[in-house]
PDB file of all heavy atoms in Angstrom:
ATOM      1  N   ASN A   1     -10.101   2.256   6.122  1.00  0.00           N
ATOM      2  CA  ASN A   1     -10.198   3.591   5.521  1.00  0.00           C
ATOM      3  C   ASN A   1      -9.038   4.469   5.971  1.00  0.00           C
ATOM      4  O   ASN A   1      -8.447   5.202   5.171  1.00  0.00           O
ATOM      5  CB  ASN A   1     -11.534   4.254   5.864  1.00  0.00           C
ATOM      6  CG  ASN A   1     -12.680   3.695   5.064  1.00  0.00           C
ATOM      7  OD1 ASN A   1     -12.491   3.113   3.997  1.00  0.00           O
ATOM      8  ND2 ASN A   1     -13.889   3.866   5.573  1.00  0.00           N
ATOM      9  N   VAL A   2      -8.695   4.397   7.246  1.00  0.00           N
ATOM     10  CA  VAL A   2      -7.553   5.156   7.767  1.00  0.00           C
ATOM     11  C   VAL A   2      -6.260   4.669   7.119  1.00  0.00           C
ATOM     12  O   VAL A   2      -5.429   5.469   6.680  1.00  0.00           O
ATOM     13  CB  VAL A   2      -7.469   5.046   9.309  1.00  0.00           C
ATOM     14  CG1 VAL A   2      -6.140   5.574   9.835  1.00  0.00           C
ATOM     15  CG2 VAL A   2      -8.629   5.782   9.959  1.00  0.00           C
ATOM     16  N   ILE A   3      -6.091   3.361   7.058  1.00  0.00           N
ATOM     17  CA  ILE A   3      -4.874   2.807   6.449  1.00  0.00           C
ATOM     18  C   ILE A   3      -4.765   3.243   4.992  1.00  0.00           C
ATOM     19  O   ILE A   3      -3.698   3.684   4.551  1.00  0.00           O
ATOM     20  CB  ILE A   3      -4.843   1.270   6.581  1.00  0.00           C
ATOM     21  CG1 ILE A   3      -4.686   0.874   8.054  1.00  0.00           C
ATOM     22  CG2 ILE A   3      -3.710   0.677   5.740  1.00  0.00           C
ATOM     23  CD1 ILE A   3      -4.863  -0.621   8.312  1.00  0.00           C
ATOM     24  N   ALA A   4      -5.860   3.140   4.243  1.00  0.00           N
ATOM     25  CA  ALA A   4      -5.835   3.527   2.825  1.00  0.00           C
ATOM     26  C   ALA A   4      -5.538   5.008   2.667  1.00  0.00           C
ATOM     27  O   ALA A   4      -4.747   5.396   1.801  1.00  0.00           O
ATOM     28  CB  ALA A   4      -7.169   3.186   2.163  1.00  0.00           C
ATOM     29  N   SER A   5      -6.131   5.830   3.508  1.00  0.00           N
ATOM     30  CA  SER A   5      -5.923   7.290   3.419  1.00  0.00           C
ATOM     31  C   SER A   5      -4.489   7.697   3.727  1.00  0.00           C
ATOM     32  O   SER A   5      -4.025   8.721   3.253  1.00  0.00           O
ATOM     33  CB  SER A   5      -6.856   8.008   4.394  1.00  0.00           C
ATOM     34  OG  SER A   5      -8.191   7.758   4.071  1.00  0.00           O
ATOM     35  N   HIS A   6      -3.823   6.898   4.527  1.00  0.00           N
ATOM     36  CA  HIS A   6      -2.456   7.226   4.952  1.00  0.00           C
ATOM     37  C   HIS A   6      -1.451   6.162   4.510  1.00  0.00           C
ATOM     38  O   HIS A   6      -0.414   5.985   5.131  1.00  0.00           O
ATOM     39  CB  HIS A   6      -2.413   7.382   6.473  1.00  0.00           C
ATOM     40  CG  HIS A   6      -3.274   8.472   6.980  1.00  0.00           C
ATOM     41  ND1 HIS A   6      -4.623   8.319   7.186  1.00  0.00           N
ATOM     42  CD2 HIS A   6      -2.992   9.759   7.288  1.00  0.00           C
ATOM     43  CE1 HIS A   6      -5.138   9.450   7.619  1.00  0.00           C
ATOM     44  NE2 HIS A   6      -4.175  10.344   7.682  1.00  0.00           N
ATOM     45  N   TRP A   7      -1.772   5.446   3.438  1.00  0.00           N
ATOM     46  CA  TRP A   7      -0.969   4.296   3.026  1.00  0.00           C
ATOM     47  C   TRP A   7       0.498   4.643   2.799  1.00  0.00           C
ATOM     48  O   TRP A   7       1.379   3.903   3.224  1.00  0.00           O
ATOM     49  CB  TRP A   7      -1.582   3.642   1.794  1.00  0.00           C
ATOM     50  CG  TRP A   7      -0.847   2.411   1.363  1.00  0.00           C
ATOM     51  CD1 TRP A   7      -0.191   2.212   0.190  1.00  0.00           C
ATOM     52  CD2 TRP A   7      -0.676   1.205   2.115  1.00  0.00           C
ATOM     53  NE1 TRP A   7       0.371   0.961   0.154  1.00  0.00           N
ATOM     54  CE2 TRP A   7       0.086   0.317   1.335  1.00  0.00           C
ATOM     55  CE3 TRP A   7      -1.090   0.786   3.378  1.00  0.00           C
ATOM     56  CZ2 TRP A   7       0.440  -0.953   1.768  1.00  0.00           C
ATOM     57  CZ3 TRP A   7      -0.743  -0.491   3.811  1.00  0.00           C
ATOM     58  CH2 TRP A   7       0.016  -1.343   3.018  1.00  0.00           C
ATOM     59  N   THR A   8       0.783   5.744   2.142  1.00  0.00           N
ATOM     60  CA  THR A   8       2.198   6.075   1.884  1.00  0.00           C
ATOM     61  C   THR A   8       2.949   6.333   3.185  1.00  0.00           C
ATOM     62  O   THR A   8       4.147   6.088   3.262  1.00  0.00           O
ATOM     63  CB  THR A   8       2.351   7.274   0.928  1.00  0.00           C
ATOM     64  OG1 THR A   8       1.636   8.383   1.454  1.00  0.00           O
ATOM     65  CG2 THR A   8       1.854   6.932  -0.468  1.00  0.00           C
ATOM     66  N   TRP A   9       2.251   6.794   4.221  1.00  0.00           N
ATOM     67  CA  TRP A   9       2.883   6.980   5.532  1.00  0.00           C
ATOM     68  C   TRP A   9       2.989   5.638   6.253  1.00  0.00           C
ATOM     69  O   TRP A   9       4.014   5.334   6.858  1.00  0.00           O
ATOM     70  CB  TRP A   9       2.070   7.976   6.375  1.00  0.00           C
ATOM     71  CG  TRP A   9       2.628   8.157   7.741  1.00  0.00           C
ATOM     72  CD1 TRP A   9       3.650   8.984   8.109  1.00  0.00           C
ATOM     73  CD2 TRP A   9       2.219   7.475   8.934  1.00  0.00           C
ATOM     74  NE1 TRP A   9       3.894   8.862   9.456  1.00  0.00           N
ATOM     75  CE2 TRP A   9       3.029   7.941   9.985  1.00  0.00           C
ATOM     76  CE3 TRP A   9       1.243   6.525   9.206  1.00  0.00           C
ATOM     77  CZ2 TRP A   9       2.894   7.489  11.293  1.00  0.00           C
ATOM     78  CZ3 TRP A   9       1.105   6.067  10.511  1.00  0.00           C
ATOM     79  CH2 TRP A   9       1.925   6.551  11.532  1.00  0.00           C
ATOM     80  N   VAL A  10       1.934   4.827   6.192  1.00  0.00           N
ATOM     81  CA  VAL A  10       1.906   3.534   6.889  1.00  0.00           C
ATOM     82  C   VAL A  10       3.068   2.654   6.432  1.00  0.00           C
ATOM     83  O   VAL A  10       3.734   2.025   7.254  1.00  0.00           O
ATOM     84  CB  VAL A  10       0.557   2.808   6.681  1.00  0.00           C
ATOM     85  CG1 VAL A  10       0.609   1.365   7.181  1.00  0.00           C
ATOM     86  CG2 VAL A  10      -0.574   3.572   7.364  1.00  0.00           C
ATOM     87  N   ILE A  11       3.326   2.633   5.137  1.00  0.00           N
ATOM     88  CA  ILE A  11       4.391   1.745   4.655  1.00  0.00           C
ATOM     89  C   ILE A  11       5.792   2.246   5.001  1.00  0.00           C
ATOM     90  O   ILE A  11       6.763   1.518   4.807  1.00  0.00           O
ATOM     91  CB  ILE A  11       4.278   1.451   3.142  1.00  0.00           C
ATOM     92  CG1 ILE A  11       4.354   2.725   2.328  1.00  0.00           C
ATOM     93  CG2 ILE A  11       3.013   0.655   2.862  1.00  0.00           C
ATOM     94  CD1 ILE A  11       4.399   2.497   0.824  1.00  0.00           C
ATOM     95  N   THR A  12       5.888   3.443   5.553  1.00  0.00           N
ATOM     96  CA  THR A  12       7.201   3.910   6.017  1.00  0.00           C
ATOM     97  C   THR A  12       7.472   3.477   7.451  1.00  0.00           C
ATOM     98  O   THR A  12       8.592   3.635   7.931  1.00  0.00           O
ATOM     99  CB  THR A  12       7.330   5.445   5.930  1.00  0.00           C
ATOM    100  OG1 THR A  12       6.409   6.047   6.849  1.00  0.00           O
ATOM    101  CG2 THR A  12       7.103   5.939   4.516  1.00  0.00           C
ATOM    102  N   ARG A  13       6.472   2.936   8.132  1.00  0.00           N
ATOM    103  CA  ARG A  13       6.659   2.444   9.505  1.00  0.00           C
ATOM    104  C   ARG A  13       7.604   1.259   9.464  1.00  0.00           C
ATOM    105  O   ARG A  13       7.684   0.552   8.468  1.00  0.00           O
ATOM    106  CB  ARG A  13       5.343   1.988  10.155  1.00  0.00           C
ATOM    107  CG  ARG A  13       4.226   3.008  10.238  1.00  0.00           C
ATOM    108  CD  ARG A  13       4.542   4.227  11.069  1.00  0.00           C
ATOM    109  NE  ARG A  13       5.145   5.212  10.180  1.00  0.00           N
ATOM    110  CZ  ARG A  13       5.969   6.182  10.534  1.00  0.00           C
ATOM    111  NH1 ARG A  13       6.322   6.346  11.766  1.00  0.00           N
ATOM    112  NH2 ARG A  13       6.460   7.026   9.665  1.00  0.00           N
ATOM    113  N   GLU A  14       8.288   1.023  10.565  1.00  0.00           N
ATOM    114  CA  GLU A  14       9.211  -0.105  10.636  1.00  0.00           C
ATOM    115  C   GLU A  14       8.505  -1.414  10.318  1.00  0.00           C
ATOM    116  O   GLU A  14       9.028  -2.268   9.619  1.00  0.00           O
ATOM    117  CB  GLU A  14       9.844  -0.178  12.029  1.00  0.00           C
ATOM    118  CG  GLU A  14      10.899  -1.255  12.142  1.00  0.00           C
ATOM    119  CD  GLU A  14      11.595  -1.238  13.485  1.00  0.00           C
ATOM    120  OE1 GLU A  14      11.702  -0.164  14.092  1.00  0.00           O
ATOM    121  OE2 GLU A  14      12.040  -2.317  13.909  1.00  0.00           O
ATOM    122  N   CYS A  15       7.292  -1.566  10.839  1.00  0.00           N
ATOM    123  CA  CYS A  15       6.502  -2.772  10.558  1.00  0.00           C
ATOM    124  C   CYS A  15       5.043  -2.349  10.411  1.00  0.00           C
ATOM    125  O   CYS A  15       4.335  -2.203  11.412  1.00  0.00           O
ATOM    126  CB  CYS A  15       6.661  -3.787  11.683  1.00  0.00           C
ATOM    127  SG  CYS A  15       5.774  -5.322  11.344  1.00  0.00           S
ATOM    128  N   PRO A  16       4.588  -2.148   9.174  1.00  0.00           N
ATOM    129  CA  PRO A  16       3.200  -1.720   8.968  1.00  0.00           C
ATOM    130  C   PRO A  16       2.169  -2.646   9.623  1.00  0.00           C
ATOM    131  O   PRO A  16       1.161  -2.181  10.139  1.00  0.00           O
ATOM    132  CB  PRO A  16       3.046  -1.713   7.448  1.00  0.00           C
ATOM    133  CG  PRO A  16       4.429  -1.471   6.942  1.00  0.00           C
ATOM    134  CD  PRO A  16       5.329  -2.210   7.905  1.00  0.00           C
ATOM    135  N   SER A  17       2.432  -3.940   9.630  1.00  0.00           N
ATOM    136  CA  SER A  17       1.492  -4.875  10.259  1.00  0.00           C
ATOM    137  C   SER A  17       1.372  -4.624  11.755  1.00  0.00           C
ATOM    138  O   SER A  17       0.270  -4.675  12.305  1.00  0.00           O
ATOM    139  CB  SER A  17       1.928  -6.323  10.026  1.00  0.00           C
ATOM    140  OG  SER A  17       1.816  -6.650   8.667  1.00  0.00           O
ATOM    141  N   ALA A  18       2.480  -4.371  12.411  1.00  0.00           N
ATOM    142  CA  ALA A  18       2.440  -4.096  13.855  1.00  0.00           C
ATOM    143  C   ALA A  18       1.692  -2.798  14.133  1.00  0.00           C
ATOM    144  O   ALA A  18       0.884  -2.720  15.063  1.00  0.00           O
ATOM    145  CB  ALA A  18       3.861  -4.028  14.416  1.00  0.00           C
ATOM    146  N   TRP A  19       1.948  -1.775  13.327  1.00  0.00           N
ATOM    147  CA  TRP A  19       1.254  -0.493  13.509  1.00  0.00           C
ATOM    148  C   TRP A  19      -0.254  -0.681  13.318  1.00  0.00           C
ATOM    149  O   TRP A  19      -1.051  -0.219  14.146  1.00  0.00           O
ATOM    150  CB  TRP A  19       1.787   0.553  12.529  1.00  0.00           C
ATOM    151  CG  TRP A  19       1.091   1.859  12.680  1.00  0.00           C
ATOM    152  CD1 TRP A  19       1.411   2.865  13.546  1.00  0.00           C
ATOM    153  CD2 TRP A  19      -0.082   2.290  11.975  1.00  0.00           C
ATOM    154  NE1 TRP A  19       0.505   3.891  13.425  1.00  0.00           N
ATOM    155  CE2 TRP A  19      -0.419   3.565  12.467  1.00  0.00           C
ATOM    156  CE3 TRP A  19      -0.885   1.718  10.983  1.00  0.00           C
ATOM    157  CZ2 TRP A  19      -1.520   4.278  11.996  1.00  0.00           C
ATOM    158  CZ3 TRP A  19      -1.984   2.423  10.517  1.00  0.00           C
ATOM    159  CH2 TRP A  19      -2.293   3.695  11.026  1.00  0.00           C
ATOM    160  N   ALA A  20      -0.651  -1.350  12.255  1.00  0.00           N
ATOM    161  CA  ALA A  20      -2.076  -1.528  11.965  1.00  0.00           C
ATOM    162  C   ALA A  20      -2.754  -2.377  13.044  1.00  0.00           C
ATOM    163  O   ALA A  20      -3.876  -2.066  13.464  1.00  0.00           O
ATOM    164  CB  ALA A  20      -2.250  -2.161  10.583  1.00  0.00           C
ATOM    165  N   TRP A  21      -2.092  -3.426  13.494  1.00  0.00           N
ATOM    166  CA  TRP A  21      -2.675  -4.274  14.527  1.00  0.00           C
ATOM    167  C   TRP A  21      -2.875  -3.478  15.826  1.00  0.00           C
ATOM    168  O   TRP A  21      -3.909  -3.604  16.493  1.00  0.00           O
ATOM    169  CB  TRP A  21      -1.820  -5.509  14.780  1.00  0.00           C
ATOM    170  CG  TRP A  21      -2.421  -6.396  15.824  1.00  0.00           C
ATOM    171  CD1 TRP A  21      -1.986  -6.588  17.092  1.00  0.00           C
ATOM    172  CD2 TRP A  21      -3.602  -7.205  15.686  1.00  0.00           C
ATOM    173  NE1 TRP A  21      -2.814  -7.462  17.757  1.00  0.00           N
ATOM    174  CE2 TRP A  21      -3.819  -7.848  16.909  1.00  0.00           C
ATOM    175  CE3 TRP A  21      -4.498  -7.428  14.642  1.00  0.00           C
ATOM    176  CZ2 TRP A  21      -4.885  -8.713  17.129  1.00  0.00           C
ATOM    177  CZ3 TRP A  21      -5.560  -8.291  14.863  1.00  0.00           C
ATOM    178  CH2 TRP A  21      -5.747  -8.914  16.088  1.00  0.00           C
ATOM    179  N   LYS A  22      -1.902  -2.689  16.182  1.00  0.00           N
ATOM    180  CA  LYS A  22      -2.010  -1.872  17.398  1.00  0.00           C
ATOM    181  C   LYS A  22      -3.196  -0.911  17.288  1.00  0.00           C
ATOM    182  O   LYS A  22      -3.971  -0.756  18.234  1.00  0.00           O
ATOM    183  CB  LYS A  22      -0.712  -1.102  17.631  1.00  0.00           C
ATOM    184  CG  LYS A  22      -0.684  -0.344  18.925  1.00  0.00           C
ATOM    185  CD  LYS A  22       0.679   0.301  19.130  1.00  0.00           C
ATOM    186  CE  LYS A  22       0.711   1.069  20.431  1.00  0.00           C
ATOM    187  NZ  LYS A  22       2.012   1.687  20.670  1.00  0.00           N
ATOM    188  N   GLU A  23      -3.355  -0.277  16.138  1.00  0.00           N
ATOM    189  CA  GLU A  23      -4.490   0.629  15.929  1.00  0.00           C
ATOM    190  C   GLU A  23      -5.805  -0.141  16.008  1.00  0.00           C
ATOM    191  O   GLU A  23      -6.779   0.329  16.591  1.00  0.00           O
ATOM    192  CB  GLU A  23      -4.384   1.326  14.570  1.00  0.00           C
ATOM    193  CG  GLU A  23      -3.278   2.349  14.504  1.00  0.00           C
ATOM    194  CD  GLU A  23      -3.442   3.459  15.528  1.00  0.00           C
ATOM    195  OE1 GLU A  23      -4.535   4.058  15.610  1.00  0.00           O
ATOM    196  OE2 GLU A  23      -2.477   3.721  16.275  1.00  0.00           O
ATOM    197  N   HIS A  24      -5.822  -1.313  15.417  1.00  0.00           N
ATOM    198  CA  HIS A  24      -7.042  -2.129  15.404  1.00  0.00           C
ATOM    199  C   HIS A  24      -7.439  -2.541  16.818  1.00  0.00           C
ATOM    200  O   HIS A  24      -8.586  -2.351  17.228  1.00  0.00           O
ATOM    201  CB  HIS A  24      -6.829  -3.358  14.519  1.00  0.00           C
ATOM    202  CG  HIS A  24      -8.009  -4.257  14.431  1.00  0.00           C
ATOM    203  ND1 HIS A  24      -9.274  -3.820  14.116  1.00  0.00           N
ATOM    204  CD2 HIS A  24      -8.123  -5.597  14.634  1.00  0.00           C
ATOM    205  CE1 HIS A  24     -10.116  -4.834  14.113  1.00  0.00           C
ATOM    206  NE2 HIS A  24      -9.442  -5.924  14.427  1.00  0.00           N
ATOM    207  N   THR A  25      -6.502  -3.101  17.573  1.00  0.00           N
ATOM    208  CA  THR A  25      -6.827  -3.573  18.916  1.00  0.00           C
ATOM    209  C   THR A  25      -7.185  -2.413  19.838  1.00  0.00           C
ATOM    210  O   THR A  25      -8.054  -2.561  20.701  1.00  0.00           O
ATOM    211  CB  THR A  25      -5.688  -4.413  19.513  1.00  0.00           C
ATOM    212  OG1 THR A  25      -4.476  -3.656  19.525  1.00  0.00           O
ATOM    213  CG2 THR A  25      -5.495  -5.707  18.728  1.00  0.00           C
ATOM    214  N   ARG A  26      -6.559  -1.274  19.653  1.00  0.00           N
ATOM    215  CA  ARG A  26      -6.885  -0.092  20.456  1.00  0.00           C
ATOM    216  C   ARG A  26      -8.329   0.352  20.181  1.00  0.00           C
ATOM    217  O   ARG A  26      -9.077   0.656  21.101  1.00  0.00           O
ATOM    218  CB  ARG A  26      -5.908   1.047  20.146  1.00  0.00           C
ATOM    219  CG  ARG A  26      -6.081   2.235  21.055  1.00  0.00           C
ATOM    220  CD  ARG A  26      -5.123   3.350  20.738  1.00  0.00           C
ATOM    221  NE  ARG A  26      -3.806   2.824  20.399  1.00  0.00           N
ATOM    222  CZ  ARG A  26      -2.825   3.532  19.893  1.00  0.00           C
ATOM    223  NH1 ARG A  26      -2.981   4.805  19.647  1.00  0.00           N
ATOM    224  NH2 ARG A  26      -1.666   2.993  19.617  1.00  0.00           N
ATOM    225  N   THR A  27      -8.706   0.376  18.923  1.00  0.00           N
ATOM    226  CA  THR A  27     -10.069   0.777  18.546  1.00  0.00           C
ATOM    227  C   THR A  27     -11.099  -0.215  19.076  1.00  0.00           C
ATOM    228  O   THR A  27     -12.122   0.178  19.633  1.00  0.00           O
ATOM    229  CB  THR A  27     -10.177   0.893  17.009  1.00  0.00           C
ATOM    230  OG1 THR A  27      -9.249   1.869  16.560  1.00  0.00           O
ATOM    231  CG2 THR A  27     -11.577   1.282  16.588  1.00  0.00           C
ATOM    232  N   VAL A  28     -10.830  -1.494  18.915  1.00  0.00           N
ATOM    233  CA  VAL A  28     -11.756  -2.520  19.394  1.00  0.00           C
ATOM    234  C   VAL A  28     -11.881  -2.439  20.918  1.00  0.00           C
ATOM    235  O   VAL A  28     -12.984  -2.511  21.460  1.00  0.00           O
ATOM    236  CB  VAL A  28     -11.323  -3.926  18.930  1.00  0.00           C
ATOM    237  CG1 VAL A  28     -12.134  -5.019  19.619  1.00  0.00           C
ATOM    238  CG2 VAL A  28     -11.448  -4.041  17.411  1.00  0.00           C
ATOM    239  N   ALA A  29     -10.771  -2.271  21.606  1.00  0.00           N
ATOM    240  CA  ALA A  29     -10.801  -2.169  23.076  1.00  0.00           C
ATOM    241  C   ALA A  29     -11.629  -0.968  23.521  1.00  0.00           C
ATOM    242  O   ALA A  29     -12.413  -1.060  24.471  1.00  0.00           O
ATOM    243  CB  ALA A  29      -9.382  -2.077  23.621  1.00  0.00           C
ATOM    244  N   ARG A  30     -11.453   0.144  22.845  1.00  0.00           N
ATOM    245  CA  ARG A  30     -12.208   1.352  23.186  1.00  0.00           C
ATOM    246  C   ARG A  30     -13.707   1.101  22.985  1.00  0.00           C
ATOM    247  O   ARG A  30     -14.524   1.458  23.829  1.00  0.00           O
ATOM    248  CB  ARG A  30     -11.723   2.528  22.345  1.00  0.00           C
ATOM    249  CG  ARG A  30     -12.283   3.850  22.772  1.00  0.00           C
ATOM    250  CD  ARG A  30     -11.643   5.048  22.081  1.00  0.00           C
ATOM    251  NE  ARG A  30     -11.584   4.929  20.632  1.00  0.00           N
ATOM    252  CZ  ARG A  30     -10.455   4.828  19.922  1.00  0.00           C
ATOM    253  NH1 ARG A  30      -9.288   4.835  20.512  1.00  0.00           N
ATOM    254  NH2 ARG A  30     -10.503   4.727  18.609  1.00  0.00           N
ATOM    255  N   ARG A  31     -14.073   0.468  21.895  1.00  0.00           N
ATOM    256  CA  ARG A  31     -15.486   0.179  21.621  1.00  0.00           C
ATOM    257  C   ARG A  31     -16.044  -0.849  22.606  1.00  0.00           C
ATOM    258  O   ARG A  31     -17.211  -0.786  22.985  1.00  0.00           O
ATOM    259  CB  ARG A  31     -15.667  -0.334  20.195  1.00  0.00           C
ATOM    260  CG  ARG A  31     -15.537   0.735  19.140  1.00  0.00           C
ATOM    261  CD  ARG A  31     -15.663   0.114  17.744  1.00  0.00           C
ATOM    262  NE  ARG A  31     -15.638   1.112  16.717  1.00  0.00           N
ATOM    263  CZ  ARG A  31     -16.715   1.759  16.263  1.00  0.00           C
ATOM    264  NH1 ARG A  31     -17.893   1.501  16.766  1.00  0.00           N
ATOM    265  NH2 ARG A  31     -16.592   2.659  15.318  1.00  0.00           N
ATOM    266  N   ALA A  32     -15.225  -1.805  23.010  1.00  0.00           N
ATOM    267  CA  ALA A  32     -15.674  -2.866  23.916  1.00  0.00           C
ATOM    268  C   ALA A  32     -15.674  -2.426  25.371  1.00  0.00           C
ATOM    269  O   ALA A  32     -16.319  -3.054  26.215  1.00  0.00           O
ATOM    270  CB  ALA A  32     -14.788  -4.103  23.743  1.00  0.00           C
ATOM    271  N   GLY A  33     -14.913  -1.381  25.679  1.00  0.00           N
ATOM    272  CA  GLY A  33     -14.818  -0.934  27.065  1.00  0.00           C
ATOM    273  C   GLY A  33     -13.907  -1.799  27.912  1.00  0.00           C
ATOM    274  O   GLY A  33     -13.986  -1.802  29.137  1.00  0.00           O
ATOM    275  N   HIS A  34     -13.027  -2.554  27.275  1.00  0.00           N
ATOM    276  CA  HIS A  34     -12.103  -3.454  27.977  1.00  0.00           C
ATOM    277  C   HIS A  34     -10.829  -3.587  27.147  1.00  0.00           C
ATOM    278  O   HIS A  34     -10.901  -3.843  25.947  1.00  0.00           O
ATOM    279  CB  HIS A  34     -12.741  -4.830  28.164  1.00  0.00           C
ATOM    280  CG  HIS A  34     -11.782  -5.887  28.607  1.00  0.00           C
ATOM    281  ND1 HIS A  34     -11.245  -5.922  29.872  1.00  0.00           N
ATOM    282  CD2 HIS A  34     -11.252  -6.940  27.953  1.00  0.00           C
ATOM    283  CE1 HIS A  34     -10.425  -6.954  29.969  1.00  0.00           C
ATOM    284  NE2 HIS A  34     -10.413  -7.589  28.809  1.00  0.00           N
ATOM    285  N   THR A  35      -9.692  -3.430  27.801  1.00  0.00           N
ATOM    286  CA  THR A  35      -8.414  -3.575  27.112  1.00  0.00           C
ATOM    287  C   THR A  35      -7.763  -4.887  27.526  1.00  0.00           C
ATOM    288  O   THR A  35      -7.235  -4.999  28.634  1.00  0.00           O
ATOM    289  CB  THR A  35      -7.473  -2.394  27.439  1.00  0.00           C
ATOM    290  OG1 THR A  35      -8.130  -1.182  27.090  1.00  0.00           O
ATOM    291  CG2 THR A  35      -6.164  -2.512  26.675  1.00  0.00           C
ATOM    292  N   PRO A  36      -7.815  -5.895  26.660  1.00  0.00           N
ATOM    293  CA  PRO A  36      -7.178  -7.170  26.993  1.00  0.00           C
ATOM    294  C   PRO A  36      -5.657  -7.060  26.914  1.00  0.00           C
ATOM    295  O   PRO A  36      -5.113  -6.174  26.259  1.00  0.00           O
ATOM    296  CB  PRO A  36      -7.707  -8.126  25.927  1.00  0.00           C
ATOM    297  CG  PRO A  36      -8.130  -7.260  24.797  1.00  0.00           C
ATOM    298  CD  PRO A  36      -8.471  -5.918  25.369  1.00  0.00           C
ATOM    299  N   THR A  37      -4.983  -7.977  27.577  1.00  0.00           N
ATOM    300  CA  THR A  37      -3.527  -8.015  27.502  1.00  0.00           C
ATOM    301  C   THR A  37      -3.107  -8.598  26.152  1.00  0.00           C
ATOM    302  O   THR A  37      -3.918  -9.217  25.453  1.00  0.00           O
ATOM    303  CB  THR A  37      -2.934  -8.897  28.621  1.00  0.00           C
ATOM    304  OG1 THR A  37      -3.340 -10.251  28.387  1.00  0.00           O
ATOM    305  CG2 THR A  37      -3.380  -8.426  30.005  1.00  0.00           C
ATOM    306  N   LEU A  38      -1.846  -8.421  25.819  1.00  0.00           N
ATOM    307  CA  LEU A  38      -1.322  -9.034  24.591  1.00  0.00           C
ATOM    308  C   LEU A  38      -1.478 -10.548  24.638  1.00  0.00           C
ATOM    309  O   LEU A  38      -1.799 -11.182  23.633  1.00  0.00           O
ATOM    310  CB  LEU A  38       0.154  -8.667  24.399  1.00  0.00           C
ATOM    311  CG  LEU A  38       0.470  -7.203  24.103  1.00  0.00           C
ATOM    312  CD1 LEU A  38       1.972  -6.977  24.097  1.00  0.00           C
ATOM    313  CD2 LEU A  38      -0.138  -6.791  22.782  1.00  0.00           C
ATOM    314  N   ALA A  39      -1.259 -11.119  25.816  1.00  0.00           N
ATOM    315  CA  ALA A  39      -1.390 -12.572  25.956  1.00  0.00           C
ATOM    316  C   ALA A  39      -2.842 -13.008  25.740  1.00  0.00           C
ATOM    317  O   ALA A  39      -3.095 -14.023  25.083  1.00  0.00           O
ATOM    318  CB  ALA A  39      -0.887 -13.011  27.339  1.00  0.00           C
TER     319      ALA A  39
END
């Protein structure tokens, strides 16, 4: 929903996939109460 609402801005990012993945993992980590490493 966030991506769709801001799609014209998201596609101006250097790499929309990297931006979206970072947002996704940040949200999941916050909900889980644990921030895993990239590895």
